[in-house]
Amino acid sequence: MSVSSRFGDRDLTPGADEVVETDFDSLIGLHSVKGSHYAQFRGVEERLGRVVGALDRISRALVQTAEGPETLVLSVVRAVAEHLEADWVVFALCDGELDRTGPRHLMMDGDGTIYAFEGVQAARTPSHLPDEVLNRLNDILRNQLGELVRPVVADHHLHVPVHLDGRVVGGLSAWTPPRHVVDSADLVVMRILARQAVVALLNAALLEESRHQLARAEDAYAKAREQATDLAVQNVELQRTQRELSAVMRQRLVTEERERIARELHDSVTQSVLSAGMQIEVCRMECDSETAERLEVAGTLTRNAVEQLRSVIYALNQSPSVEGLSLGEVLDELCSMHMPADLETEVRVVGRSRDLPDDVQHAILRIAGEALFNTAVHAEATVARVVLTYGDHDVSLTVDDNGVGDPGHMRRVLRAATLGDLAGRHRGLANMSARARDLGGDFRVRRSRMGGVRVGVEIPAGTVTDSMTPRRSTTESVRRLAGTRSPLHQEVSR
């Protein structure tokens, strides 16, 4: 029986968002207040009692919202069953609607037993269902609604569609026993309960979505922390590798410098001493006996010098380890290799010591080695001072002496060497200038306050970063006097 045929001209089939227009007599059925209509008043009393009971059940269902969608839907189904004294109640959602919430369907028989095929913890799996109940469940689940998109009211059957945003997303149906005939109040109660059920499910869907988003956010945060941890580990490993590479580079530079000095001694000094010894032997055979005795002593000294030079060359070729040394300490090692015994040297480090890029360290050590070698060979100095300064964005090196060098002459030599007008033996200054220029730095030669020459270089080296390796004091002085010279310089100075 349709709604209009059951309740005359009253329209009980509104759209999805339309609120049913009811008045007091749609709930209680009272059309006359004449005292003679006692039977009608008895019916009114009964209907009022049922409406009050239904409102109580609705309020009890509403307070279940916070306990989750399953509890609330169960409360709605129980309220329908109690209000209608129903033999069966069916609640179901169409496939594809409110996918992230549940329960998707629920059934209750006249004994209050809950049935569901899946998704409800408190439900039993049905083994036998009445045909009309099973067919209604399948129609709603499969979205084959037909006339179910509108309320269906019969004497012992009531169905209301479940609406959301203007579309039907499910349905709520009930079948009553012969003693209970469905009326308009039952339809109003069913509509209220259906709306409450869909609101609860929508809230559950939103809650589930928020949980998914929270889980994704927590997962992203955990991955970000893990990546940050991995990056920190890799950064530490990279810094350790950088320090190892820097140590290897410094070791190579020291080794190459020692080998260069050994070659110079072998190819020039040793050969000159040997030649002098041969000339002494020739002269000794052609002069008188007194002179020959003196020349014999000179020849013996010459042979001893050659042996000592060979020992020094061998010692230079045995590379010492500079692993773990700072740049200032390696400069100290260079001083010990270059300086003769009568030349006092000092190495000073200013600023916070830190690891520098390999190319910068390489340039600093090469320039220092060349400047120290020139001081030892050409300057006739008694004091040399090396200062390494760490700035915020650069590093600078100065080598001062109190020798006889002429800065003006050296600048002219540098310009000529840069233009290619000098022989290769004058390329030292040009090489130092080129190393600084290749790294965006400046190279200068000027008069030193000590009276001799100052060779200075300033090279960009990035921002200040603390070294991972413990360093000595930020300003340190290391004096090397004659008593602490290497065997090379002790022998050469004799």
Protein backbone atom coordinates (compact mmCIF):
# COMPACT_ATOMS: atom_id res chain seq x y z
CA MET A 1 0.00 0.00 0.00
CA SER A 2 1.44 3.43 -0.92
CA VAL A 3 1.81 6.24 1.59
CA SER A 4 -0.83 8.40 -0.06
CA SER A 5 -3.38 5.61 -0.20
CA ARG A 6 -2.85 4.77 3.45
CA PHE A 7 -3.01 8.32 4.82
CA GLY A 8 -5.43 10.05 2.44
CA ASP A 9 -4.26 13.37 1.02
CA ARG A 10 -1.27 13.82 3.41
CA ASP A 11 2.05 13.79 1.46
CA LEU A 12 4.52 11.42 3.20
CA THR A 13 6.98 11.08 0.32
CA PRO A 14 9.26 14.15 0.46
CA GLY A 15 12.66 14.44 -1.26
CA ALA A 16 16.00 13.58 0.32
CA ASP A 17 16.60 16.92 2.06
CA GLU A 18 12.94 17.74 2.74
CA VAL A 19 11.84 17.62 6.36
CA VAL A 20 8.49 15.90 6.81
CA GLU A 21 5.81 18.43 7.74
CA THR A 22 3.91 16.91 10.67
CA ASP A 23 1.65 18.32 13.31
CA PHE A 24 0.34 17.04 16.56
CA ASP A 25 -2.48 14.96 15.09
CA SER A 26 -0.06 13.26 12.64
CA LEU A 27 1.52 11.73 15.72
CA ILE A 28 -1.56 11.12 17.87
CA GLY A 29 -4.37 10.91 15.26
CA LEU A 30 -6.74 13.17 17.24
CA HIS A 31 -9.41 14.86 15.03
CA SER A 32 -12.08 15.77 17.60
CA VAL A 33 -12.17 16.78 21.23
CA LYS A 34 -15.80 15.96 21.86
CA GLY A 35 -16.26 14.12 25.14
CA SER A 36 -18.54 11.60 23.47
CA HIS A 37 -15.66 10.23 21.46
CA TYR A 38 -14.28 8.12 24.31
CA ALA A 39 -12.88 5.41 22.04
CA GLN A 40 -10.97 8.00 20.12
CA PHE A 41 -9.48 9.40 23.33
CA ARG A 42 -8.41 5.87 24.34
CA GLY A 43 -6.63 5.56 20.98
CA VAL A 44 -4.99 8.94 21.53
CA GLU A 45 -3.70 7.85 24.90
CA GLU A 46 -2.23 4.70 23.44
CA ARG A 47 -0.62 6.58 20.54
CA LEU A 48 0.83 9.20 22.90
CA GLY A 49 2.36 6.48 25.00
CA ARG A 50 3.96 4.90 21.96
CA VAL A 51 5.28 8.28 20.72
CA VAL A 52 6.78 9.07 24.11
CA GLY A 53 8.38 5.65 24.18
CA ALA A 54 9.72 6.18 20.66
CA LEU A 55 11.17 9.56 21.62
CA ASP A 56 12.83 7.94 24.60
CA ARG A 57 14.34 5.27 22.35
CA ILE A 58 15.56 7.94 19.92
CA SER A 59 17.23 9.86 22.75
CA ARG A 60 18.87 6.66 23.97
CA ALA A 61 20.16 6.02 20.45
CA LEU A 62 21.53 9.54 20.16
CA VAL A 63 23.73 9.23 23.24
CA GLN A 64 25.40 6.19 21.64
CA THR A 65 27.02 8.31 18.90
CA ALA A 66 30.29 8.73 20.79
CA GLU A 67 30.66 4.94 21.13
CA GLY A 68 31.07 4.43 17.41
CA PRO A 69 28.87 3.65 14.41
CA GLU A 70 28.28 -0.02 15.19
CA THR A 71 26.89 0.70 18.65
CA LEU A 72 24.67 3.49 17.35
CA VAL A 73 23.28 1.47 14.42
CA LEU A 74 22.53 -1.38 16.81
CA SER A 75 20.69 1.12 19.04
CA VAL A 76 18.69 2.38 16.05
CA VAL A 77 17.71 -1.13 14.98
CA ARG A 78 16.70 -2.04 18.56
CA ALA A 79 14.66 1.19 18.85
CA VAL A 80 12.79 0.31 15.63
CA ALA A 81 12.19 -3.26 16.80
CA GLU A 82 10.89 -2.14 20.21
CA HIS A 83 8.73 0.64 18.82
CA LEU A 84 7.07 -1.50 16.13
CA GLU A 85 7.27 -4.80 18.05
CA ALA A 86 8.80 -5.92 14.75
CA ASP A 87 9.39 -9.50 13.69
CA TRP A 88 12.30 -8.34 11.50
CA VAL A 89 14.30 -5.13 11.04
CA VAL A 90 16.83 -4.59 8.22
CA PHE A 91 19.37 -1.79 7.91
CA ALA A 92 21.73 -1.72 4.91
CA LEU A 93 23.96 0.64 2.88
CA CYS A 94 24.23 0.55 -0.89
CA ASP A 95 27.48 -0.66 -2.44
CA GLY A 96 29.81 2.25 -3.19
CA GLU A 97 28.32 4.53 -0.55
CA LEU A 98 30.17 5.48 2.65
CA ASP A 99 32.88 2.96 1.80
CA ARG A 100 35.07 3.68 4.80
CA THR A 101 32.45 3.10 7.48
CA GLY A 102 30.31 0.29 8.82
CA PRO A 103 28.44 -1.78 9.60
CA ARG A 104 27.31 -2.15 5.98
CA HIS A 105 24.22 -4.14 6.95
CA LEU A 106 22.41 -5.38 10.07
CA MET A 107 19.34 -7.50 10.77
CA MET A 108 17.34 -8.26 13.94
CA ASP A 109 14.56 -10.78 14.50
CA GLY A 110 11.67 -10.64 16.94
CA ASP A 111 13.77 -12.26 19.69
CA GLY A 112 16.36 -9.46 19.51
CA THR A 113 19.03 -11.61 17.85
CA ILE A 114 21.43 -9.63 15.65
CA TYR A 115 22.47 -11.08 12.27
CA ALA A 116 25.06 -9.97 9.74
CA PHE A 117 27.16 -11.69 7.10
CA GLU A 118 30.26 -9.65 7.98
CA GLY A 119 31.56 -6.57 9.76
CA VAL A 120 29.59 -6.77 13.05
CA GLN A 121 31.25 -8.27 16.11
CA ALA A 122 28.02 -8.80 18.08
CA ALA A 123 26.18 -10.47 15.17
CA ARG A 124 25.57 -14.06 14.17
CA THR A 125 25.91 -15.31 10.63
CA PRO A 126 22.37 -16.02 9.38
CA SER A 127 21.61 -19.57 8.24
CA HIS A 128 18.00 -18.95 7.17
CA LEU A 129 16.22 -15.66 6.49
CA PRO A 130 12.64 -15.01 5.34
CA ASP A 131 12.50 -14.37 1.61
CA GLU A 132 11.22 -10.80 1.94
CA VAL A 133 14.03 -9.96 4.39
CA LEU A 134 16.76 -11.50 2.21
CA ASN A 135 15.39 -9.91 -0.97
CA ARG A 136 15.20 -6.50 0.68
CA LEU A 137 18.76 -6.81 1.90
CA ASN A 138 20.00 -7.76 -1.58
CA ASP A 139 18.06 -4.95 -3.26
CA ILE A 140 19.59 -2.31 -1.00
CA LEU A 141 23.13 -3.71 -1.07
CA ARG A 142 23.10 -3.99 -4.88
CA ASN A 143 21.59 -0.50 -5.23
CA GLN A 144 18.58 -1.95 -7.03
CA LEU A 145 16.14 0.25 -5.18
CA GLY A 146 13.29 0.92 -7.61
CA GLU A 147 10.33 2.05 -5.50
CA LEU A 148 12.53 1.87 -2.39
CA VAL A 149 13.81 5.39 -3.09
CA ARG A 150 10.56 6.55 -1.42
CA PRO A 151 8.92 5.48 1.84
CA VAL A 152 6.87 2.29 1.64
CA VAL A 153 4.04 1.93 4.18
CA ALA A 154 1.75 -1.08 4.54
CA ASP A 155 -0.29 -2.47 7.41
CA HIS A 156 2.55 -4.69 8.60
CA HIS A 157 5.55 -3.32 6.71
CA LEU A 158 7.44 -0.02 6.77
CA HIS A 159 10.48 1.12 4.75
CA VAL A 160 12.27 4.49 4.69
CA PRO A 161 15.21 5.34 2.45
CA VAL A 162 18.42 6.67 4.01
CA HIS A 163 19.43 9.95 2.36
CA LEU A 164 22.76 11.79 2.23
CA ASP A 165 23.49 14.91 0.17
CA GLY A 166 20.39 14.45 -1.97
CA ARG A 167 20.91 10.81 -2.86
CA VAL A 168 19.75 7.51 -1.41
CA VAL A 169 22.65 5.68 0.26
CA GLY A 170 20.75 2.88 2.01
CA GLY A 171 17.49 1.84 3.61
CA LEU A 172 15.76 0.92 6.90
CA SER A 173 12.92 -1.64 6.76
CA ALA A 174 10.71 -3.38 9.33
CA TRP A 175 7.99 -6.05 9.32
CA THR A 176 5.42 -6.08 12.14
CA PRO A 177 3.29 -8.91 13.54
CA PRO A 178 -0.52 -9.02 12.88
CA ARG A 179 -1.29 -7.34 16.20
CA HIS A 180 0.63 -4.17 15.24
CA VAL A 181 -0.69 -2.06 12.38
CA VAL A 182 1.69 0.62 11.05
CA ASP A 183 0.50 4.24 11.26
CA SER A 184 1.85 7.72 10.47
CA ALA A 185 3.63 8.09 13.82
CA ASP A 186 5.66 4.99 13.03
CA LEU A 187 6.80 6.59 9.78
CA VAL A 188 7.95 9.75 11.58
CA VAL A 189 9.86 7.72 14.16
CA MET A 190 11.50 5.62 11.42
CA ARG A 191 12.59 8.74 9.53
CA ILE A 192 14.23 10.22 12.64
CA LEU A 193 16.07 6.97 13.40
CA ALA A 194 17.24 6.57 9.78
CA ARG A 195 18.62 10.10 9.75
CA GLN A 196 20.44 9.52 13.02
CA ALA A 197 21.97 6.34 11.65
CA VAL A 198 23.33 8.03 8.52
CA VAL A 199 24.72 10.95 10.56
CA ALA A 200 26.52 8.48 12.80
CA LEU A 201 27.94 6.64 9.80
CA LEU A 202 29.04 9.89 8.16
CA ASN A 203 30.79 10.95 11.36
CA ALA A 204 32.44 7.55 11.49
CA ALA A 205 33.60 7.96 7.89
CA LEU A 206 35.07 11.37 8.69
CA LEU A 207 36.72 9.96 11.81
CA GLU A 208 38.16 7.08 9.81
CA GLU A 209 39.48 9.49 7.20
CA SER A 210 41.07 11.64 9.90
CA ARG A 211 42.67 8.53 11.37
CA HIS A 212 44.03 7.58 7.95
CA GLN A 213 45.41 11.07 7.50
CA LEU A 214 46.91 11.00 10.97
CA ALA A 215 48.46 7.61 10.27
CA ARG A 216 49.87 8.90 6.98
CA ALA A 217 51.21 12.00 8.72
CA GLU A 218 52.80 9.91 11.47
CA ASP A 219 54.25 7.57 8.86
CA ALA A 220 55.64 10.51 6.89
CA TYR A 221 57.05 11.97 10.10
CA ALA A 222 58.64 8.66 11.03
CA LYS A 223 60.16 8.36 7.55
CA ALA A 224 61.40 11.93 7.73
CA ARG A 225 63.02 11.25 11.10
CA GLU A 226 64.54 8.06 9.75
CA GLN A 227 65.87 9.90 6.71
CA ALA A 228 67.19 12.67 8.96
CA THR A 229 68.94 10.05 11.09
CA ASP A 230 70.37 8.39 7.98
CA LEU A 231 71.53 11.76 6.66
CA ALA A 232 73.17 12.54 9.99
CA VAL A 233 74.98 9.19 9.92
CA GLN A 234 76.01 9.73 6.31
CA ASN A 235 77.15 13.25 7.15
CA VAL A 236 79.32 11.95 9.98
CA GLU A 237 80.70 9.29 7.64
CA LEU A 238 81.29 11.91 4.96
CA GLN A 239 83.14 14.13 7.41
CA ARG A 240 85.23 11.19 8.57
CA THR A 241 86.04 10.32 4.96
CA GLN A 242 86.88 13.96 4.27
CA ARG A 243 89.28 14.00 7.20
CA GLU A 244 90.88 10.78 6.00
CA LEU A 245 91.26 12.19 2.49
CA SER A 246 92.72 15.38 3.90
CA ALA A 247 95.20 13.37 5.95
CA VAL A 248 96.17 11.33 2.88
CA MET A 249 96.58 14.53 0.86
CA ARG A 250 98.77 16.08 3.53
CA GLN A 251 100.81 12.90 3.72
CA ARG A 252 101.25 12.95 -0.05
CA LEU A 253 102.32 16.58 -0.02
CA VAL A 254 104.90 16.03 2.68
CA THR A 255 106.18 12.94 0.91
CA GLU A 256 106.43 14.74 -2.42
CA GLU A 257 108.27 17.64 -0.78
CA ARG A 258 110.76 15.29 0.87
CA GLU A 259 111.28 13.49 -2.42
CA ARG A 260 111.83 16.82 -4.19
CA ILE A 261 114.47 17.84 -1.67
CA ALA A 262 116.11 14.43 -1.98
CA ARG A 263 116.25 14.82 -5.79
CA GLU A 264 117.71 18.31 -5.46
CA LEU A 265 120.40 17.02 -3.12
CA HIS A 266 121.17 14.04 -5.33
CA ASP A 267 121.14 15.83 -8.64
CA SER A 268 122.89 19.04 -7.60
CA VAL A 269 124.65 19.07 -4.23
CA THR A 270 125.89 15.48 -4.26
CA GLN A 271 127.11 15.72 -7.85
CA SER A 272 128.85 19.01 -7.08
CA VAL A 273 130.58 17.53 -4.05
CA LEU A 274 131.67 14.50 -6.09
CA SER A 275 133.03 16.75 -8.81
CA ALA A 276 134.90 18.80 -6.23
CA GLY A 277 136.39 15.61 -4.80
CA MET A 278 137.61 14.53 -8.23
CA GLN A 279 139.22 17.90 -8.83
CA ILE A 280 140.92 17.69 -5.47
CA GLU A 281 142.37 14.28 -6.38
CA VAL A 282 143.70 15.64 -9.69
CA CYS A 283 145.31 18.63 -8.00
CA ARG A 284 146.80 16.48 -5.23
CA MET A 285 148.74 14.41 -7.77
CA GLU A 286 150.20 17.52 -9.44
CA CYS A 287 151.32 19.60 -6.40
CA ASP A 288 154.03 19.46 -3.75
CA SER A 289 153.87 17.16 -0.76
CA GLU A 290 152.67 19.73 1.78
CA THR A 291 149.84 20.86 -0.42
CA ALA A 292 149.05 17.26 -1.31
CA GLU A 293 148.57 16.40 2.36
CA ARG A 294 146.08 19.22 2.76
CA LEU A 295 144.27 18.20 -0.41
CA GLU A 296 144.11 14.64 0.86
CA VAL A 297 142.32 15.90 3.98
CA ALA A 298 139.96 17.89 1.74
CA GLY A 299 139.31 14.81 -0.36
CA THR A 300 138.52 12.78 2.76
CA LEU A 301 136.07 15.45 3.93
CA THR A 302 134.50 15.46 0.47
CA ARG A 303 134.01 11.71 0.49
CA ASN A 304 132.54 11.89 3.99
CA ALA A 305 130.14 14.63 2.82
CA VAL A 306 129.00 12.45 -0.06
CA GLU A 307 128.29 9.55 2.31
CA GLN A 308 126.42 11.83 4.66
CA LEU A 309 124.39 13.25 1.78
CA ARG A 310 123.50 9.75 0.68
CA SER A 311 122.34 8.95 4.22
CA VAL A 312 120.23 12.09 4.30
CA ILE A 313 118.72 11.31 0.90
CA TYR A 314 117.82 7.83 2.14
CA ALA A 315 116.23 9.30 5.29
CA LEU A 316 114.21 11.77 3.24
CA ASN A 317 112.83 8.96 1.11
CA GLN A 318 111.49 7.25 4.27
CA SER A 319 108.21 9.17 4.46
CA PRO A 320 107.01 10.03 7.98
CA SER A 321 103.31 9.72 8.80
CA VAL A 322 101.30 12.92 9.19
CA GLU A 323 98.00 11.17 9.78
CA GLY A 324 95.90 13.02 12.33
CA LEU A 325 97.99 16.20 12.11
CA SER A 326 96.36 19.58 11.58
CA LEU A 327 97.35 21.90 8.74
CA GLY A 328 99.43 23.97 11.17
CA GLU A 329 101.28 20.88 12.35
CA VAL A 330 102.03 19.86 8.76
CA LEU A 331 103.42 23.34 8.16
CA ASP A 332 105.60 22.76 11.21
CA GLU A 333 106.82 19.55 9.57
CA LEU A 334 107.65 21.46 6.38
CA CYS A 335 109.74 23.92 8.40
CA SER A 336 111.75 21.05 9.84
CA MET A 337 112.50 19.79 6.34
CA HIS A 338 113.46 23.10 4.74
CA MET A 339 115.26 25.09 7.39
CA PRO A 340 119.02 24.79 7.97
CA ALA A 341 120.29 24.54 11.53
CA ASP A 342 121.24 28.21 11.86
CA LEU A 343 117.76 29.46 10.94
CA GLU A 344 115.15 29.83 13.69
CA THR A 345 111.56 29.19 12.60
CA GLU A 346 108.15 29.79 14.13
CA VAL A 347 104.74 28.50 13.06
CA ARG A 348 101.66 30.26 14.45
CA VAL A 349 97.96 29.42 13.92
CA VAL A 350 95.39 32.19 14.45
CA GLY A 351 91.62 31.59 14.62
CA ARG A 352 89.60 28.44 15.09
CA SER A 353 91.26 25.55 13.29
CA ARG A 354 88.94 23.64 10.96
CA ASP A 355 89.00 21.25 8.03
CA LEU A 356 89.52 22.94 4.69
CA PRO A 357 88.75 21.72 1.18
CA ASP A 358 91.49 19.51 -0.22
CA ASP A 359 92.40 21.92 -3.02
CA VAL A 360 92.81 24.77 -0.51
CA GLN A 361 95.00 22.67 1.80
CA HIS A 362 97.04 21.54 -1.20
CA ALA A 363 97.62 25.12 -2.33
CA ILE A 364 98.52 26.35 1.18
CA LEU A 365 101.09 23.60 1.70
CA ARG A 366 102.59 24.00 -1.77
CA ILE A 367 102.92 27.76 -1.42
CA ALA A 368 104.38 27.40 2.09
CA GLY A 369 106.88 24.80 0.89
CA GLU A 370 108.03 26.95 -2.02
CA ALA A 371 108.34 30.08 0.14
CA LEU A 372 110.28 28.26 2.87
CA PHE A 373 112.60 26.71 0.30
CA ASN A 374 113.35 30.14 -1.18
CA THR A 375 113.99 31.52 2.32
CA ALA A 376 116.40 28.70 3.15
CA VAL A 377 118.31 28.85 -0.16
CA HIS A 378 118.32 32.52 -1.19
CA ALA A 379 117.40 34.84 1.69
CA GLU A 380 120.41 34.38 4.03
CA ALA A 381 117.93 34.82 6.87
CA THR A 382 118.32 33.88 10.53
CA VAL A 383 114.61 33.96 11.44
CA ALA A 384 111.52 32.85 9.50
CA ARG A 385 107.94 33.14 10.68
CA VAL A 386 104.91 31.28 9.23
CA VAL A 387 101.41 32.47 10.22
CA LEU A 388 98.27 30.56 9.22
CA THR A 389 95.06 32.54 9.85
CA TYR A 390 91.54 31.07 9.71
CA GLY A 391 88.97 33.74 8.83
CA ASP A 392 85.19 33.46 8.72
CA HIS A 393 85.18 32.96 4.96
CA ASP A 394 88.83 32.53 3.97
CA VAL A 395 92.23 31.31 5.09
CA SER A 396 95.49 33.24 4.76
CA LEU A 397 99.18 32.35 4.97
CA THR A 398 102.18 34.62 5.43
CA VAL A 399 105.87 33.68 5.39
CA ASP A 400 108.20 36.41 6.76
CA ASP A 401 111.99 36.46 7.08
CA ASN A 402 114.74 38.88 8.08
CA GLY A 403 116.90 38.08 5.08
CA VAL A 404 118.38 40.12 2.24
CA GLY A 405 115.62 39.57 -0.31
CA ASP A 406 114.29 42.50 -2.35
CA PRO A 407 110.48 42.53 -2.70
CA GLY A 408 110.60 44.92 -5.67
CA HIS A 409 112.98 42.67 -7.56
CA MET A 410 110.84 39.61 -6.72
CA ARG A 411 107.70 41.34 -8.05
CA ARG A 412 109.52 42.13 -11.29
CA VAL A 413 110.65 38.51 -11.52
CA LEU A 414 107.04 37.41 -10.90
CA ARG A 415 105.71 39.63 -13.69
CA ALA A 416 108.38 38.42 -16.09
CA ALA A 417 107.78 34.79 -15.17
CA THR A 418 104.04 35.25 -15.64
CA LEU A 419 104.73 36.56 -19.16
CA GLY A 420 107.05 33.63 -19.87
CA ASP A 421 110.20 35.73 -20.18
CA LEU A 422 112.27 33.77 -17.65
CA ALA A 423 113.75 30.31 -17.58
CA GLY A 424 112.05 27.53 -15.66
CA ARG A 425 114.31 27.92 -12.64
CA HIS A 426 112.58 31.22 -11.86
CA ARG A 427 109.05 29.81 -11.98
CA GLY A 428 108.62 29.40 -8.18
CA LEU A 429 106.94 32.76 -7.62
CA ALA A 430 104.75 32.32 -10.69
CA ASN A 431 103.65 28.87 -9.50
CA MET A 432 102.67 30.24 -6.08
CA SER A 433 100.70 33.06 -7.69
CA ALA A 434 98.96 30.67 -10.10
CA ARG A 435 97.89 28.33 -7.28
CA ALA A 436 96.27 31.21 -5.39
CA ARG A 437 94.66 32.66 -8.52
CA ASP A 438 93.15 29.30 -9.55
CA LEU A 439 91.25 29.21 -6.24
CA GLY A 440 90.05 32.82 -6.46
CA GLY A 441 92.69 34.04 -4.02
CA ASP A 442 95.34 36.79 -3.91
CA PHE A 443 99.13 36.43 -3.86
CA ARG A 444 101.35 39.28 -2.64
CA VAL A 445 105.08 39.95 -2.14
CA ARG A 446 106.06 42.93 0.03
CA ARG A 447 108.60 44.12 2.58
CA SER A 448 108.36 42.36 5.93
CA ARG A 449 108.47 44.21 9.23
CA MET A 450 111.26 41.80 10.13
CA GLY A 451 113.38 43.49 7.44
CA GLY A 452 113.26 40.83 4.75
CA VAL A 453 110.45 39.64 2.48
CA ARG A 454 106.83 38.76 3.25
CA VAL A 455 105.08 36.28 0.94
CA GLY A 456 101.34 36.32 1.57
CA VAL A 457 98.35 34.48 0.13
CA GLU A 458 94.62 34.72 0.93
CA ILE A 459 92.20 32.06 -0.38
CA PRO A 460 88.39 31.78 0.02
CA ALA A 461 87.53 28.71 2.09
CA GLY A 462 83.76 28.82 2.77
CA THR A 463 82.04 29.52 6.08
CA VAL A 464 83.34 28.56 9.50
CA THR A 465 82.60 24.96 10.53
CA ASP A 466 83.99 23.30 13.62
CA SER A 467 86.42 20.53 12.93
CA MET A 468 85.35 17.06 13.98
CA THR A 469 88.95 16.30 15.01
CA PRO A 470 90.24 17.79 18.29
CA ARG A 471 92.80 20.50 17.55
CA ARG A 472 95.47 22.18 19.58
CA SER A 473 95.11 25.74 20.91
CA THR A 474 93.60 28.24 18.47
CA THR A 475 96.81 30.30 18.69
CA GLU A 476 99.95 28.23 18.99
CA SER A 477 103.63 28.89 18.50
CA VAL A 478 106.16 26.19 17.77
CA ARG A 479 109.76 27.23 17.77
CA ARG A 480 112.36 24.99 16.14
CA LEU A 481 115.90 25.82 17.14
CA ALA A 482 119.08 24.39 15.82
CA GLY A 483 119.07 21.55 18.32
CA THR A 484 115.76 20.19 16.94
CA ARG A 485 116.68 20.15 13.25
CA SER A 486 116.32 17.13 11.05
CA PRO A 487 119.49 15.20 10.10
CA LEU A 488 119.39 16.84 6.66
CA HIS A 489 119.84 20.36 7.95
CA GLN A 490 122.36 19.40 10.58
CA GLU A 491 124.49 17.80 7.88
CA VAL A 492 124.03 20.52 5.25
CA SER A 493 124.96 23.27 7.71
CA ARG A 494 128.28 21.66 8.56
